[in-house]
Every structure is written in structure tokens, then in C-alpha cells.
Amino acid sequence: YKAGAQRDPKTGLYPGDYYNCSTYDQTSKRLEHKCCSHFITTKAVRALTLEAIKTASSNAVSDEKSFVEKVRAASKIQQESAAKELKGKLSRNCKRSAELDNLIKKLYESYATGKISEKRFEVLSAGYEQEQEELEAAIQREQAELDSFHANTDRADKFLELVKKYTDFSVLTTPMLLEFVDKILVHAPEKVDSERIQEVDIYLRFIGKVDIPTPEPTPEELAERERRKIIREKQREYTRRYREKKRAKLAAE
């Protein structure tokens, strides 16, 4: 920011506060130009972050059940009833695996004492061992699904607990930043219909990326967009005519 610039009394920010890609800044000084500019103002980042926190918090408090189910969507199982059913299946598989251990042990004893032939032992033991391998794979998969379900449920509960600590979401404070925000990814800007468009991903603790709904533009915003579009078209036309005159002048010389 420029010397003598004053902080905004509401946000505490200087007019020139911004973020940029450090790789781009460092390499551009050496004329290497690695990466590209991800320039974004601090004001814009803070506004988007506050909106993400407000959106997630509002959804969590207004309908806790739906919120928990949405967080659980990352798991292969989302409902308590499905988790209970899977837990029962896991218990049965563990019990059967233990039974197979005993069967294999008794089968070996029978073979060792000559009660069954070697051929019979090999056939039966191969069948038991194959069943046990399949069970072990199923047990690992089912346990992982249950662990994911319980972890996502815990994450939802922790976020709800965090949200209920706050009663005012009108201003983004330092404690809110530290407690709510996990990371922020600022993508490189793009040009869409001559408009600068920049994607920003905001990840909150416990629940991950938050999708911020895009509000419908107001009539005033639409009018402003149209005004800027007309100005850009005039500037392009002016540039085109200037270049044509310059080329014509060079040709005449």
C-alpha cells in the first residue's frame, strides 16, 4: 500500500491490500515467469470467506439432520440403519473367520493322526483357506466403511458445536478465521465475455469445501455490466482504428 494510506475503519484493511502467487512474484523479477498471477484483493477473499462460513453455519443450524446426512455423503453408507446392518454383517464375518481357524486346526490334526488322507486334507484346507481370504477382505472393507461413517458423523457434530459458539456472523473476526477456515485455494483468473472471472475454493474445518450460492444479479448490477461492456467495445474499436491508421501511415512512408 502507498505511504500515508489510511486503513478502512470497518475492515482494518489498506486500499492496496491483496494476495498474489508468490512463485509468480519471485520468478517475474528474474524474468522467468513461472506460474501466473493469481491476484485477488484481501477484501474479496474476506468477503467470500465470511459468506462461506455464514452459508455453512446457516445450513447446519436450520436443519441439523439434513446437514449431518450431507456430511456423511462422503461415506459409502449414510444412514444409521445401514450402519447397523453393516455392523451386524461384520460381526458375522468375524465369527465365521474364527470358526474357520478352528476348522483348519482340527483338519490338520485329523491329517496328522492319519484320520484323513493327504488328498482329502488338501481339498478341504484349500476350500477353507479360500473362504477365509474372502472373509478377511470383506472384513477390512466393511470396517473401513464403518470407520468412515463414524468419522464423518463426528466431523458434522464438531462443526455444529463450533457454529453454536458464535451468535454474530456479520463480521469476519480473527478467531472465526482461525477456528473455521482450513484452507483457501485461489485459482488463476479467466476471461469470459471480456469479464474477469476467478474461482476461489474455501475449505472449512471438519466439512471441507463449501459451495457458495451465486446470487442473481440486481438490475443495477446488470446495468453496470452493460455499461462496462459498451466501454470495452468502444475501446476495442478505438484501438482497431488507431492500428489501421498507423499501418496506413507506415505503408505510405
Protein backbone atom coordinates (compact mmCIF):
# COMPACT_ATOMS: atom_id res chain seq x y z
CA TYR A 1 0.00 0.00 0.00
CA LYS A 2 1.09 3.58 -0.57
CA ALA A 3 2.74 5.59 2.17
CA GLY A 4 0.18 7.62 4.08
CA ALA A 5 -2.73 5.37 3.07
CA GLN A 6 -5.39 5.02 5.73
CA ARG A 7 -6.97 1.79 6.93
CA ASP A 8 -10.66 1.20 6.32
CA PRO A 9 -12.33 1.85 9.71
CA LYS A 10 -14.67 -1.17 9.29
CA THR A 11 -12.34 -3.83 7.89
CA GLY A 12 -8.97 -2.53 9.11
CA LEU A 13 -7.57 -3.09 5.60
CA TYR A 14 -5.49 -0.75 3.49
CA PRO A 15 -6.82 0.14 -0.01
CA GLY A 16 -3.99 -1.80 -1.63
CA ASP A 17 -4.18 -4.99 0.46
CA TYR A 18 -4.06 -8.01 -1.88
CA TYR A 19 -2.72 -11.52 -2.38
CA ASN A 20 -0.72 -12.83 -5.31
CA CYS A 21 1.08 -16.03 -6.30
CA SER A 22 4.49 -15.98 -4.59
CA THR A 23 6.02 -18.15 -7.32
CA TYR A 24 4.89 -15.70 -9.97
CA ASP A 25 6.14 -12.70 -8.00
CA GLN A 26 9.55 -14.20 -7.33
CA THR A 27 10.21 -15.54 -10.82
CA SER A 28 8.88 -12.49 -12.66
CA LYS A 29 11.66 -10.45 -11.04
CA ARG A 30 14.14 -12.82 -12.74
CA LEU A 31 12.13 -12.70 -15.99
CA GLU A 32 11.33 -16.43 -15.76
CA HIS A 33 7.54 -16.04 -15.43
CA LYS A 34 6.70 -19.36 -13.78
CA CYS A 35 3.04 -19.89 -12.92
CA CYS A 36 0.81 -16.83 -13.40
CA SER A 37 -0.69 -14.02 -11.39
CA HIS A 38 -3.46 -15.13 -9.02
CA PHE A 39 -4.08 -11.56 -7.92
CA ILE A 40 -7.05 -11.08 -5.62
CA THR A 41 -7.81 -8.35 -3.11
CA THR A 42 -7.86 -9.14 0.59
CA LYS A 43 -11.30 -7.55 0.75
CA ALA A 44 -12.66 -10.05 -1.81
CA VAL A 45 -11.12 -13.05 -0.02
CA ARG A 46 -12.53 -11.98 3.33
CA ALA A 47 -15.99 -11.36 1.85
CA LEU A 48 -16.05 -14.81 0.22
CA THR A 49 -14.76 -16.47 3.39
CA LEU A 50 -17.42 -14.82 5.54
CA GLU A 51 -20.11 -15.82 3.04
CA ALA A 52 -18.88 -19.44 3.11
CA ILE A 53 -18.97 -19.52 6.91
CA LYS A 54 -22.42 -17.93 7.02
CA THR A 55 -23.79 -20.33 4.37
CA ALA A 56 -22.44 -23.47 6.05
CA SER A 57 -23.44 -22.32 9.53
CA SER A 58 -26.96 -21.39 8.44
CA ASN A 59 -27.47 -24.77 6.74
CA ALA A 60 -26.13 -26.61 9.78
CA VAL A 61 -28.34 -24.83 12.31
CA SER A 62 -31.55 -24.63 10.26
CA ASP A 63 -31.69 -28.37 9.53
CA GLU A 64 -29.18 -30.39 11.56
CA LYS A 65 -30.43 -33.76 10.29
CA SER A 66 -30.01 -32.85 6.62
CA PHE A 67 -26.65 -31.25 7.36
CA VAL A 68 -25.31 -34.40 9.04
CA GLU A 69 -26.59 -36.54 6.16
CA LYS A 70 -24.85 -34.26 3.66
CA VAL A 71 -21.54 -34.56 5.50
CA ARG A 72 -22.00 -38.33 5.66
CA ALA A 73 -22.43 -38.37 1.87
CA ALA A 74 -18.66 -38.79 1.61
CA SER A 75 -19.11 -42.27 3.13
CA LYS A 76 -20.43 -45.29 1.26
CA ILE A 77 -23.12 -45.57 3.92
CA GLN A 78 -25.14 -42.56 5.01
CA GLN A 79 -27.89 -43.84 7.29
CA GLU A 80 -27.80 -45.19 10.85
CA SER A 81 -29.88 -48.19 9.79
CA ALA A 82 -27.38 -49.08 7.06
CA ALA A 83 -24.50 -48.72 9.52
CA LYS A 84 -26.28 -51.01 11.99
CA GLU A 85 -26.87 -53.61 9.28
CA LEU A 86 -23.24 -53.44 8.18
CA LYS A 87 -22.05 -53.78 11.76
CA GLY A 88 -24.08 -56.98 12.10
CA LYS A 89 -22.64 -58.34 8.86
CA LEU A 90 -19.12 -57.50 10.05
CA SER A 91 -19.74 -59.32 13.33
CA ARG A 92 -20.98 -62.43 11.49
CA ASN A 93 -17.98 -62.43 9.15
CA CYS A 94 -15.56 -62.12 12.08
CA LYS A 95 -17.31 -65.01 13.84
CA ARG A 96 -17.15 -67.19 10.72
CA SER A 97 -13.45 -66.37 10.23
CA ALA A 98 -12.75 -67.50 13.79
CA GLU A 99 -14.72 -70.73 13.15
CA LEU A 100 -12.60 -71.41 10.07
CA ASP A 101 -9.46 -71.06 12.18
CA ASN A 102 -10.73 -73.85 14.42
CA LEU A 103 -11.83 -75.98 11.47
CA ILE A 104 -8.43 -75.68 9.78
CA LYS A 105 -6.70 -76.56 13.06
CA LYS A 106 -8.89 -79.65 13.59
CA LEU A 107 -8.46 -80.64 9.95
CA TYR A 108 -4.68 -80.55 10.32
CA GLU A 109 -4.88 -82.66 13.50
CA SER A 110 -7.00 -85.21 11.65
CA TYR A 111 -4.47 -85.36 8.85
CA ALA A 112 -1.52 -85.57 11.27
CA THR A 113 -3.10 -88.50 13.10
CA GLY A 114 -3.97 -90.31 9.86
CA LYS A 115 -7.75 -89.94 10.18
CA ILE A 116 -7.99 -88.41 6.69
CA SER A 117 -5.88 -88.81 3.58
CA GLU A 118 -3.49 -86.19 2.29
CA LYS A 119 -5.64 -85.63 -0.81
CA ARG A 120 -8.73 -85.08 1.31
CA PHE A 121 -6.80 -82.73 3.60
CA GLU A 122 -5.58 -80.62 0.68
CA VAL A 123 -9.06 -80.30 -0.86
CA LEU A 124 -10.75 -79.32 2.41
CA SER A 125 -7.99 -76.99 3.61
CA ALA A 126 -7.87 -75.19 0.23
CA GLY A 127 -11.61 -74.55 0.43
CA TYR A 128 -11.44 -73.28 4.00
CA GLU A 129 -8.46 -71.04 3.28
CA GLN A 130 -10.09 -69.51 0.19
CA GLU A 131 -13.26 -68.75 2.17
CA GLN A 132 -11.19 -67.21 4.94
CA GLU A 133 -9.24 -64.99 2.50
CA GLU A 134 -12.52 -63.71 1.04
CA LEU A 135 -13.86 -63.08 4.53
CA GLU A 136 -10.73 -61.16 5.57
CA ALA A 137 -11.05 -58.90 2.52
CA ALA A 138 -14.74 -58.30 3.29
CA ILE A 139 -13.96 -57.60 6.97
CA GLN A 140 -11.35 -54.97 6.04
CA ARG A 141 -13.73 -53.30 3.56
CA GLU A 142 -16.67 -53.28 5.97
CA GLN A 143 -14.57 -51.97 8.85
CA ALA A 144 -13.24 -49.16 6.66
CA GLU A 145 -16.79 -48.17 5.66
CA LEU A 146 -17.93 -48.13 9.28
CA ASP A 147 -14.89 -46.09 10.34
CA SER A 148 -15.60 -43.57 7.56
CA PHE A 149 -19.27 -43.33 8.60
CA HIS A 150 -18.41 -42.69 12.25
CA ALA A 151 -15.61 -40.22 11.34
CA ASN A 152 -17.96 -38.17 9.13
CA THR A 153 -20.62 -38.18 11.84
CA ASP A 154 -18.03 -36.90 14.32
CA ARG A 155 -16.95 -34.18 11.87
CA ALA A 156 -20.53 -32.98 11.46
CA ASP A 157 -21.03 -32.90 15.23
CA LYS A 158 -17.79 -30.97 15.75
CA PHE A 159 -18.79 -28.36 13.15
CA LEU A 160 -22.20 -27.93 14.78
CA GLU A 161 -20.51 -27.49 18.12
CA LEU A 162 -18.24 -24.82 16.61
CA VAL A 163 -21.14 -22.97 14.96
CA LYS A 164 -23.07 -22.79 18.23
CA LYS A 165 -20.18 -20.93 19.85
CA TYR A 166 -20.99 -17.89 17.70
CA THR A 167 -24.07 -15.72 17.63
CA ASP A 168 -22.86 -12.99 15.27
CA PHE A 169 -21.73 -13.76 11.71
CA SER A 170 -21.95 -10.21 10.39
CA VAL A 171 -18.20 -9.52 10.63
CA LEU A 172 -15.27 -11.84 9.92
CA THR A 173 -13.08 -11.84 13.02
CA THR A 174 -9.65 -13.33 13.61
CA PRO A 175 -11.00 -16.08 15.94
CA MET A 176 -13.52 -17.04 13.23
CA LEU A 177 -10.74 -17.33 10.64
CA LEU A 178 -8.60 -19.48 12.91
CA GLU A 179 -11.42 -21.77 14.02
CA PHE A 180 -13.45 -22.15 10.83
CA VAL A 181 -11.02 -22.00 7.90
CA ASP A 182 -8.92 -24.98 6.87
CA LYS A 183 -7.53 -23.61 3.59
CA ILE A 184 -8.35 -21.30 0.68
CA LEU A 185 -7.36 -22.04 -2.92
CA VAL A 186 -7.29 -19.10 -5.32
CA HIS A 187 -7.32 -20.14 -8.98
CA ALA A 188 -5.89 -18.21 -11.88
CA PRO A 189 -8.39 -15.73 -13.37
CA GLU A 190 -10.03 -16.30 -16.74
CA LYS A 191 -11.68 -14.04 -19.29
CA VAL A 192 -15.32 -14.88 -20.02
CA ASP A 193 -17.12 -12.49 -22.37
CA SER A 194 -14.42 -9.94 -21.55
CA GLU A 195 -15.25 -10.27 -17.83
CA ARG A 196 -12.53 -11.29 -15.36
CA ILE A 197 -13.74 -14.46 -13.65
CA GLN A 198 -11.81 -16.04 -10.77
CA GLU A 199 -12.66 -19.24 -8.90
CA VAL A 200 -11.96 -19.41 -5.17
CA ASP A 201 -12.33 -22.66 -3.21
CA ILE A 202 -12.92 -22.26 0.53
CA TYR A 203 -12.45 -25.30 2.77
CA LEU A 204 -13.83 -25.16 6.29
CA ARG A 205 -12.66 -27.34 9.15
CA PHE A 206 -14.49 -30.66 9.60
CA ILE A 207 -16.70 -30.31 6.49
CA GLY A 208 -14.36 -29.44 3.61
CA LYS A 209 -15.19 -27.33 0.56
CA VAL A 210 -18.23 -25.08 0.79
CA ASP A 211 -20.25 -24.22 -2.32
CA ILE A 212 -21.41 -20.63 -2.06
CA PRO A 213 -24.67 -19.98 -3.94
CA THR A 214 -24.32 -17.35 -6.65
CA PRO A 215 -26.98 -14.66 -6.15
CA GLU A 216 -28.99 -13.41 -9.10
CA PRO A 217 -27.62 -10.04 -10.30
CA THR A 218 -29.69 -6.99 -9.41
CA PRO A 219 -30.98 -4.63 -12.13
CA GLU A 220 -28.30 -2.15 -11.05
CA GLU A 221 -25.56 -4.78 -11.45
CA LEU A 222 -26.87 -5.79 -14.85
CA ALA A 223 -26.90 -2.15 -15.93
CA GLU A 224 -23.32 -1.71 -14.71
CA ARG A 225 -22.21 -4.80 -16.63
CA GLU A 226 -23.81 -3.45 -19.79
CA ARG A 227 -22.15 -0.07 -19.25
CA ARG A 228 -18.72 -1.68 -18.88
CA LYS A 229 -19.37 -3.83 -21.95
CA ILE A 230 -20.12 -0.75 -24.06
CA ILE A 231 -16.96 0.96 -22.80
CA ARG A 232 -14.84 -2.11 -23.66
CA GLU A 233 -16.34 -2.29 -27.15
CA LYS A 234 -15.57 1.39 -27.72
CA GLN A 235 -12.02 0.90 -26.51
CA ARG A 236 -11.52 -2.06 -28.83
CA GLU A 237 -12.92 -0.09 -31.76
CA TYR A 238 -10.66 2.84 -30.93
CA THR A 239 -7.63 0.54 -30.75
CA ARG A 240 -8.55 -1.10 -34.07
CA ARG A 241 -8.85 2.25 -35.85
CA TYR A 242 -5.62 3.52 -34.33
CA ARG A 243 -3.72 0.46 -35.55
CA GLU A 244 -5.23 0.77 -39.02
CA LYS A 245 -4.13 4.41 -39.25
CA LYS A 246 -0.66 3.55 -38.03
CA ARG A 247 -0.32 0.73 -40.58
CA ALA A 248 -1.58 3.03 -43.34
CA LYS A 249 0.92 5.72 -42.35
CA LEU A 250 3.80 3.20 -42.34
CA ALA A 251 2.72 1.92 -45.75
CA ALA A 252 2.61 5.45 -47.16
CA GLU A 253 6.16 6.13 -45.99
